[in-house]
N, C-alpha and C. Protein backbone atom coordinates (compact mmCIF):
# COMPACT_ATOMS: atom_id res chain seq x y z
N MET A 1 27.27 82.24 14.39
CA MET A 1 28.31 82.42 14.00
C MET A 1 27.97 83.25 12.33
N ALA A 2 27.53 82.46 11.39
CA ALA A 2 27.60 82.66 10.05
C ALA A 2 26.20 83.74 9.95
N GLU A 3 25.19 83.83 10.73
CA GLU A 3 24.31 85.05 10.32
C GLU A 3 24.59 86.31 11.13
N VAL A 4 25.97 86.06 12.02
CA VAL A 4 26.54 87.35 12.38
C VAL A 4 27.53 88.14 11.34
N TRP A 5 28.49 86.78 10.98
CA TRP A 5 29.55 87.80 10.03
C TRP A 5 28.60 88.26 8.67
N GLU A 6 27.66 87.64 8.21
CA GLU A 6 26.84 88.31 7.39
C GLU A 6 25.79 89.61 7.52
N GLN A 7 25.65 89.93 8.80
CA GLN A 7 24.66 91.19 9.03
C GLN A 7 26.08 92.01 9.80
N TYR A 8 27.60 91.51 10.20
CA TYR A 8 28.10 92.79 10.32
C TYR A 8 29.06 92.99 8.82
N LEU A 9 29.28 92.32 7.50
CA LEU A 9 29.50 93.06 6.27
C LEU A 9 28.57 93.47 5.38
N ARG A 10 27.24 92.68 6.09
CA ARG A 10 26.02 94.17 5.70
C ARG A 10 25.86 95.59 6.26
N SER A 11 26.21 95.82 7.06
CA SER A 11 26.40 96.94 7.65
C SER A 11 27.70 97.94 7.46
N LEU A 12 28.77 96.94 7.74
CA LEU A 12 30.13 97.65 7.54
C LEU A 12 29.44 98.15 5.94
N LEU A 13 29.09 97.41 4.31
CA LEU A 13 29.02 97.71 2.76
C LEU A 13 28.23 98.72 2.85
N GLN A 14 27.01 98.70 3.95
CA GLN A 14 25.93 100.03 3.42
C GLN A 14 26.75 100.97 3.70
N ARG A 15 27.00 101.64 5.19
CA ARG A 15 27.66 102.80 5.48
C ARG A 15 28.62 103.06 4.53
N LYS A 16 29.50 102.05 4.31
CA LYS A 16 30.73 101.90 2.73
C LYS A 16 29.58 102.94 1.80
N LEU A 17 29.55 101.81 1.22
CA LEU A 17 28.57 101.55 0.09
C LEU A 17 27.87 103.40 -0.69
N LYS A 18 26.72 103.34 0.67
CA LYS A 18 25.77 104.40 0.37
C LYS A 18 25.87 106.20 0.04
N PRO A 19 27.25 106.27 0.15
CA PRO A 19 27.55 107.72 0.34
C PRO A 19 28.22 107.39 -1.85
N TYR A 20 28.29 106.59 -2.30
CA TYR A 20 28.35 106.17 -3.14
C TYR A 20 27.26 106.03 -4.05
N GLY A 21 25.56 105.64 -4.11
CA GLY A 21 24.50 105.95 -4.06
C GLY A 21 24.39 104.46 -4.59
N TRP A 22 25.22 103.75 -4.07
CA TRP A 22 24.28 102.40 -3.90
C TRP A 22 23.62 101.31 -2.76
N PHE A 23 22.52 100.88 -3.07
CA PHE A 23 21.66 100.95 -1.43
C PHE A 23 21.25 99.51 -1.32
N LEU A 24 21.33 98.92 -0.40
CA LEU A 24 20.75 97.04 -0.23
C LEU A 24 19.43 96.88 -0.91
N LYS A 25 19.46 96.33 -1.48
CA LYS A 25 18.82 95.33 -2.33
C LYS A 25 18.09 94.35 -1.65
N THR A 26 16.86 94.09 -1.08
CA THR A 26 16.35 93.22 0.29
C THR A 26 15.55 92.04 -0.99
N ASP A 27 15.00 92.68 -2.30
CA ASP A 27 13.61 91.49 -2.23
C ASP A 27 14.14 89.95 -2.66
N LYS A 28 13.63 89.03 -2.53
CA LYS A 28 14.00 87.29 -2.80
C LYS A 28 13.70 87.78 -4.52
N GLN A 29 14.55 86.96 -4.81
CA GLN A 29 14.31 86.69 -6.26
C GLN A 29 13.65 85.28 -6.81
N ILE A 30 13.33 85.32 -7.92
CA ILE A 30 12.69 83.19 -7.68
C ILE A 30 13.34 82.89 -8.93
N ALA A 31 13.45 81.25 -9.65
CA ALA A 31 14.17 80.88 -11.06
C ALA A 31 12.78 80.08 -10.61
N TYR A 32 12.69 80.15 -11.81
CA TYR A 32 11.34 79.11 -12.67
C TYR A 32 10.24 79.27 -11.98
N LYS A 33 10.14 80.17 -11.48
CA LYS A 33 8.54 80.46 -11.22
C LYS A 33 7.72 79.97 -11.59
N GLY A 34 6.68 79.48 -11.18
CA GLY A 34 5.17 79.12 -11.26
C GLY A 34 5.80 76.97 -11.94
N ARG A 35 7.04 77.13 -11.78
CA ARG A 35 7.54 75.55 -12.31
C ARG A 35 7.32 74.78 -10.95
N PHE A 36 7.67 73.55 -11.09
CA PHE A 36 7.50 72.86 -9.47
C PHE A 36 8.89 72.72 -9.31
N PHE A 37 9.89 72.95 -9.86
CA PHE A 37 11.21 72.88 -9.13
C PHE A 37 11.33 74.57 -9.19
N GLN A 38 10.26 75.04 -8.56
CA GLN A 38 10.86 76.82 -8.29
C GLN A 38 11.73 76.98 -6.78
N ARG A 39 12.07 77.96 -7.20
CA ARG A 39 13.34 77.86 -6.17
C ARG A 39 13.68 79.55 -5.69
N GLU A 40 13.66 79.87 -4.27
CA GLU A 40 14.38 81.15 -4.02
C GLU A 40 15.20 81.48 -4.48
N LEU A 41 16.13 82.53 -4.81
CA LEU A 41 17.20 82.84 -4.85
C LEU A 41 17.48 83.91 -3.66
N ILE A 42 18.85 83.16 -2.67
CA ILE A 42 18.56 85.04 -1.71
C ILE A 42 20.28 84.96 -1.26
N PRO A 43 20.59 85.76 -2.71
CA PRO A 43 21.95 86.05 -2.14
C PRO A 43 21.90 87.39 -0.76
N ASP A 44 23.08 87.16 0.27
CA ASP A 44 23.34 87.60 1.33
C ASP A 44 23.19 89.21 0.99
N LEU A 45 23.87 89.36 -0.03
CA LEU A 45 24.46 91.14 -0.57
C LEU A 45 23.87 91.25 -1.56
N ILE A 46 23.00 92.09 -2.09
CA ILE A 46 22.58 92.42 -3.49
C ILE A 46 22.72 94.34 -3.37
N PHE A 47 23.51 94.79 -3.66
CA PHE A 47 23.73 96.32 -3.47
C PHE A 47 23.42 96.59 -5.00
N GLN A 48 22.35 97.86 -5.19
CA GLN A 48 21.63 98.74 -6.91
C GLN A 48 21.95 100.20 -6.66
N GLN A 49 22.65 100.22 -7.84
CA GLN A 49 23.10 101.52 -8.50
C GLN A 49 22.18 102.28 -9.15
N GLU A 50 21.23 102.54 -9.64
CA GLU A 50 20.48 102.76 -11.46
C GLU A 50 20.19 101.22 -11.42
N ASN A 51 20.97 100.80 -12.68
CA ASN A 51 20.92 99.56 -13.45
C ASN A 51 21.95 99.11 -13.13
N LYS A 52 22.77 99.31 -12.34
CA LYS A 52 24.18 98.53 -11.62
C LYS A 52 23.54 97.93 -10.14
N LEU A 53 24.85 96.76 -10.16
CA LEU A 53 24.48 95.78 -9.28
C LEU A 53 25.86 94.74 -8.98
N ILE A 54 26.02 94.50 -7.32
CA ILE A 54 27.12 93.97 -7.07
C ILE A 54 26.03 93.29 -6.12
N VAL A 55 26.57 91.46 -6.47
CA VAL A 55 26.06 90.51 -5.77
C VAL A 55 27.13 89.76 -4.72
N TYR A 56 27.35 89.70 -3.60
CA TYR A 56 27.86 88.58 -3.16
C TYR A 56 27.39 88.03 -1.83
N ASP A 57 28.03 86.67 -1.58
CA ASP A 57 27.67 85.55 -0.52
C ASP A 57 28.28 85.67 0.47
N ALA A 58 28.11 86.27 1.45
CA ALA A 58 29.20 85.93 2.98
C ALA A 58 29.51 84.60 3.38
N LYS A 59 30.36 84.14 3.98
CA LYS A 59 30.70 82.83 4.20
C LYS A 59 31.48 82.76 5.21
N TYR A 60 31.33 82.16 6.48
CA TYR A 60 31.59 81.79 7.53
C TYR A 60 32.50 80.77 7.67
N LYS A 61 33.33 80.95 6.91
CA LYS A 61 34.28 79.54 7.25
C LYS A 61 35.90 80.58 6.86
N ARG A 62 36.77 79.31 6.89
CA ARG A 62 38.11 79.13 7.24
C ARG A 62 38.81 79.38 5.60
N MET A 63 39.48 80.79 5.43
CA MET A 63 39.75 81.17 4.20
C MET A 63 41.68 81.34 4.59
N LYS A 64 42.17 80.54 4.38
CA LYS A 64 43.49 80.81 4.17
C LYS A 64 44.83 80.73 2.39
N GLY A 65 43.26 80.82 1.44
CA GLY A 65 44.10 80.75 0.20
C GLY A 65 44.70 80.09 -0.37
N TYR A 66 44.03 78.61 -0.22
CA TYR A 66 43.87 77.43 -0.82
C TYR A 66 42.84 77.10 -1.72
N GLN A 67 42.99 76.70 -2.88
CA GLN A 67 41.46 76.36 -3.94
C GLN A 67 40.93 75.51 -2.93
N TRP A 68 41.08 74.53 -2.12
CA TRP A 68 39.97 73.65 -1.62
C TRP A 68 39.39 74.61 -0.06
N ASP A 69 39.77 76.43 -0.09
CA ASP A 69 39.17 76.71 0.86
C ASP A 69 37.74 77.36 0.67
N ILE A 70 37.41 76.87 -0.60
CA ILE A 70 36.19 77.07 -1.51
C ILE A 70 35.39 76.22 -1.50
N ASP A 71 34.03 75.86 -0.81
CA ASP A 71 33.40 75.12 -1.04
C ASP A 71 32.95 75.15 -2.67
N ARG A 72 32.87 73.81 -3.18
CA ARG A 72 32.33 74.06 -4.04
C ARG A 72 30.81 73.98 -4.58
N ALA A 73 29.48 73.86 -3.53
CA ALA A 73 28.04 74.25 -3.60
C ALA A 73 28.65 76.01 -3.19
N ASP A 74 28.78 76.30 -2.59
CA ASP A 74 29.09 78.09 -2.32
C ASP A 74 29.85 79.00 -3.36
N PHE A 75 30.97 77.96 -4.18
CA PHE A 75 30.56 78.75 -5.96
C PHE A 75 30.11 78.78 -7.05
N PHE A 76 29.55 77.43 -6.70
CA PHE A 76 27.82 77.33 -7.45
C PHE A 76 26.46 78.29 -7.39
N GLN A 77 26.42 78.44 -6.29
CA GLN A 77 25.67 78.83 -5.11
C GLN A 77 25.79 80.76 -5.84
N ILE A 78 26.53 81.22 -5.76
CA ILE A 78 27.48 82.84 -5.55
C ILE A 78 27.00 83.06 -7.95
N HIS A 79 27.63 81.83 -8.19
CA HIS A 79 27.74 82.04 -10.19
C HIS A 79 26.03 82.09 -10.19
N THR A 80 25.39 81.10 -10.11
CA THR A 80 23.71 80.95 -9.65
C THR A 80 23.06 82.55 -10.12
N TYR A 81 23.65 83.25 -8.57
CA TYR A 81 22.80 84.26 -8.06
C TYR A 81 23.01 85.21 -9.18
N ILE A 82 24.16 85.25 -9.87
CA ILE A 82 25.06 86.66 -10.66
C ILE A 82 23.88 86.01 -12.10
N GLN A 83 23.77 84.75 -12.24
CA GLN A 83 22.88 84.83 -13.64
C GLN A 83 22.21 84.97 -13.62
N ASN A 84 21.27 85.37 -12.49
CA ASN A 84 19.83 85.24 -12.46
C ASN A 84 20.15 86.49 -13.00
N PHE A 85 21.29 87.80 -12.21
CA PHE A 85 20.86 88.61 -12.73
C PHE A 85 20.85 89.76 -13.52
N ILE A 86 22.30 88.68 -14.38
CA ILE A 86 22.46 89.48 -15.74
C ILE A 86 22.02 90.17 -17.11
N ASN A 87 21.00 89.14 -16.81
CA ASN A 87 19.98 89.70 -18.20
C ASN A 87 19.10 90.53 -18.08
N LYS A 88 19.21 90.86 -16.59
CA LYS A 88 18.32 91.94 -15.94
C LYS A 88 19.39 93.85 -15.88
N TYR A 89 20.39 93.54 -15.34
CA TYR A 89 20.89 94.26 -14.69
C TYR A 89 22.48 94.56 -14.98
N ASP A 90 23.04 95.25 -15.34
CA ASP A 90 24.61 95.51 -15.77
C ASP A 90 25.10 95.61 -14.05
N VAL A 91 26.13 93.84 -14.22
CA VAL A 91 26.19 93.09 -12.92
C VAL A 91 28.07 93.92 -12.90
N LYS A 92 28.46 94.57 -11.97
CA LYS A 92 29.31 94.98 -11.91
C LYS A 92 30.17 93.98 -10.97
N SER A 93 30.18 93.82 -10.02
CA SER A 93 30.92 92.53 -9.13
C SER A 93 30.20 92.35 -8.69
N GLY A 94 30.72 90.31 -8.18
CA GLY A 94 29.94 89.44 -7.54
C GLY A 94 31.11 88.33 -6.95
N GLY A 95 30.99 87.75 -5.66
CA GLY A 95 31.97 86.43 -5.21
C GLY A 95 31.36 86.29 -3.82
N LEU A 96 32.18 86.10 -3.19
CA LEU A 96 32.60 84.83 -1.82
C LEU A 96 32.90 85.76 -1.20
N LEU A 97 32.43 85.96 0.22
CA LEU A 97 33.32 87.28 1.24
C LEU A 97 33.13 86.37 2.49
N TYR A 98 34.89 86.44 3.17
CA TYR A 98 35.27 85.52 4.36
C TYR A 98 35.89 86.10 5.47
N PRO A 99 36.01 85.80 6.43
CA PRO A 99 37.09 85.92 7.25
C PRO A 99 38.11 86.00 7.06
N ILE A 100 39.51 86.15 6.28
CA ILE A 100 40.38 85.38 6.30
C ILE A 100 41.36 85.42 7.41
N SER A 101 41.99 84.09 7.48
CA SER A 101 42.29 83.11 8.39
C SER A 101 44.28 83.97 8.34
N THR A 102 44.90 84.71 6.80
CA THR A 102 46.31 84.48 6.41
C THR A 102 46.52 86.10 5.81
N VAL A 103 47.83 86.52 5.34
CA VAL A 103 48.13 87.18 5.30
C VAL A 103 48.18 87.10 3.69
N VAL A 104 47.07 87.71 2.86
CA VAL A 104 47.12 88.23 1.22
C VAL A 104 48.33 89.00 0.74
N SER A 105 49.44 88.53 0.21
CA SER A 105 50.56 89.71 -0.11
C SER A 105 49.62 90.36 -1.36
N ASP A 106 49.24 89.25 -2.36
CA ASP A 106 48.29 89.82 -3.64
C ASP A 106 47.26 89.42 -3.89
N PHE A 107 45.96 90.43 -3.75
CA PHE A 107 44.93 90.31 -3.90
C PHE A 107 44.45 90.04 -5.45
N SER A 108 45.39 90.44 -6.65
CA SER A 108 44.73 90.09 -7.52
C SER A 108 44.48 88.95 -7.85
N LYS A 109 45.28 87.75 -7.42
CA LYS A 109 45.06 86.24 -7.53
C LYS A 109 43.61 85.55 -7.30
N TYR A 110 43.21 86.75 -6.12
CA TYR A 110 41.68 86.32 -5.47
C TYR A 110 40.55 86.88 -6.62
N ARG A 111 40.60 87.29 -7.18
CA ARG A 111 40.17 88.16 -8.69
C ARG A 111 40.10 87.14 -10.20
N SER A 112 38.83 87.91 -11.07
CA SER A 112 38.99 87.74 -12.30
C SER A 112 38.67 88.80 -12.64
N ASN A 113 38.67 89.39 -14.01
CA ASN A 113 37.86 90.10 -14.48
C ASN A 113 36.55 90.33 -15.31
N THR A 114 36.01 88.76 -15.67
CA THR A 114 35.28 88.16 -16.54
C THR A 114 34.79 87.06 -15.81
N LEU A 115 33.02 86.77 -16.03
CA LEU A 115 32.78 86.00 -15.57
C LEU A 115 33.10 84.76 -15.84
N LEU A 116 33.21 83.63 -15.07
CA LEU A 116 33.85 82.01 -15.70
C LEU A 116 34.83 81.99 -16.94
N ASN A 117 34.90 82.60 -17.48
CA ASN A 117 36.10 82.67 -18.66
C ASN A 117 36.95 83.64 -18.71
N GLU A 118 37.95 83.86 -20.27
CA GLU A 118 38.26 85.03 -20.62
C GLU A 118 37.31 85.87 -21.63
N GLU A 119 36.32 84.76 -22.42
CA GLU A 119 35.15 84.97 -22.50
C GLU A 119 33.83 85.39 -22.19
N GLY A 120 33.96 85.96 -21.15
CA GLY A 120 32.80 85.65 -20.56
C GLY A 120 32.87 87.14 -19.78
N LYS A 121 31.40 87.32 -19.15
CA LYS A 121 31.15 88.39 -19.16
C LYS A 121 31.76 89.65 -18.82
N SER A 122 31.78 90.60 -18.65
CA SER A 122 32.50 91.61 -18.50
C SER A 122 32.18 92.04 -17.17
N MET A 123 33.12 91.89 -15.80
CA MET A 123 33.06 92.64 -14.39
C MET A 123 33.64 91.28 -13.31
N SER A 124 33.55 92.20 -12.77
CA SER A 124 34.37 91.49 -11.37
C SER A 124 34.14 90.48 -10.44
N PHE A 125 34.60 89.49 -10.83
CA PHE A 125 34.47 88.22 -9.94
C PHE A 125 35.63 87.95 -8.85
N LEU A 126 35.38 87.86 -7.55
CA LEU A 126 35.89 87.90 -6.45
C LEU A 126 35.86 86.71 -5.61
N ILE A 127 37.13 86.22 -4.41
CA ILE A 127 37.13 86.34 -3.57
C ILE A 127 37.78 86.91 -2.46
N ASP A 128 36.95 87.22 -1.58
CA ASP A 128 37.72 88.57 -0.59
C ASP A 128 37.51 88.05 1.14
N GLY A 129 37.41 89.34 1.36
CA GLY A 129 37.09 89.39 2.97
C GLY A 129 38.23 90.48 3.17
N ILE A 130 37.93 90.39 5.26
CA ILE A 130 38.63 91.15 6.09
C ILE A 130 39.68 90.30 6.41
N GLU A 131 40.48 90.38 6.52
CA GLU A 131 42.36 89.76 7.15
C GLU A 131 42.09 89.95 8.65
N LEU A 132 42.07 88.76 9.34
CA LEU A 132 41.68 88.96 10.68
C LEU A 132 42.81 88.36 11.17
N LYS A 133 43.75 88.94 12.48
CA LYS A 133 44.93 87.76 13.10
C LYS A 133 44.43 88.30 14.64
N GLU A 134 44.62 86.98 15.37
CA GLU A 134 44.32 87.33 16.58
C GLU A 134 44.81 88.12 17.26
N GLU A 135 46.25 88.62 16.90
CA GLU A 135 46.77 89.95 18.05
C GLU A 135 45.94 90.85 17.70
N GLU A 136 45.37 90.50 16.85
CA GLU A 136 44.92 92.53 16.43
C GLU A 136 44.69 93.19 17.83
N ASN A 137 44.41 94.75 17.45
CA ASN A 137 43.56 95.62 18.46
C ASN A 137 42.80 96.43 17.47
N ASN A 138 41.37 97.45 17.83
CA ASN A 138 40.44 98.07 17.40
C ASN A 138 41.45 98.80 16.09
N ASP A 139 42.37 99.52 15.97
CA ASP A 139 42.92 100.62 14.98
C ASP A 139 42.97 99.19 14.17
N ASP A 140 44.06 97.89 14.39
CA ASP A 140 44.11 97.15 13.28
C ASP A 140 43.26 96.50 12.82
N PHE A 141 42.17 96.48 13.25
CA PHE A 141 40.64 96.08 12.94
C PHE A 141 40.11 96.73 11.33
N GLU A 142 40.23 98.45 12.42
CA GLU A 142 39.50 99.60 11.59
C GLU A 142 40.46 99.55 10.30
N LYS A 143 41.47 99.26 10.57
CA LYS A 143 42.31 99.59 9.28
C LYS A 143 41.97 98.64 8.19
N MET A 144 41.91 96.87 8.61
CA MET A 144 41.78 95.97 7.92
C MET A 144 40.26 96.30 6.87
N GLU A 145 39.33 96.75 7.48
CA GLU A 145 37.69 96.83 7.43
C GLU A 145 38.10 98.11 6.02
N TYR A 146 38.71 99.14 6.70
CA TYR A 146 38.97 99.92 5.35
C TYR A 146 39.58 99.56 3.94
N VAL A 147 40.68 98.78 4.79
CA VAL A 147 41.66 97.89 3.55
C VAL A 147 40.63 97.05 2.09
N PHE A 148 39.76 96.19 3.31
CA PHE A 148 38.91 95.57 2.13
C PHE A 148 37.67 96.62 1.51
N THR A 149 36.74 97.19 1.99
CA THR A 149 36.22 98.44 1.61
C THR A 149 36.66 99.55 0.46
N GLU A 150 37.52 98.78 0.50
CA GLU A 150 37.75 100.02 -0.76
C GLU A 150 38.71 99.08 -1.62
N ARG A 151 39.04 97.85 -1.55
CA ARG A 151 38.99 96.72 -2.47
C ARG A 151 38.28 96.23 -3.47
N LEU A 152 36.69 96.70 -2.43
CA LEU A 152 35.66 96.18 -2.87
C LEU A 152 35.41 97.35 -4.30
N LEU A 153 35.94 98.75 -3.71
CA LEU A 153 35.04 99.71 -4.11
C LEU A 153 36.08 99.88 -5.56
N ASP A 154 37.31 99.20 -5.54
CA ASP A 154 37.90 99.43 -6.92
C ASP A 154 37.60 98.39 -8.16
N SER A 155 37.22 97.11 -6.94
CA SER A 155 36.16 96.34 -8.22
C SER A 155 35.23 96.54 -8.67
N ILE A 156 34.79 97.37 -8.23
CA ILE A 156 32.57 98.37 -8.36
C ILE A 156 33.19 99.20 -9.82
N ASN A 157 34.14 100.17 -9.79
CA ASN A 157 34.82 100.67 -10.63
C ASN A 157 35.33 100.46 -12.07
């Protein structure tokens, strides 16, 4: 199911971001090339517009808005991905994208305007996703997709 979630987000974001000049970037990144501890870094969603980049990782895990919903390894993983790109590109936004199983009244609590701390790089770090409800119909779901993608666009600009 995690791969389905990732593919769904990739398709949704490609459709939404392409008219704004953002294109999916699919090449793999190598950390510590040539060293015995070399590793491939493969973020789920990287979009590029000229020298600008946005980097997200899709997580198919329960998100109810509690601090413990965010796995420590996932948190450090997305930061590693962002750090890998930060010296070469203007990273505008990055974060973790979940199916959200609660109503979020204020998404500003799910965002930071800097990376890691107040003195960090100016960019949008976020925890976000599509709010899902069991009783939703297609119209409700399309509205939630729209609201989600508009929040992401706001975080890029």
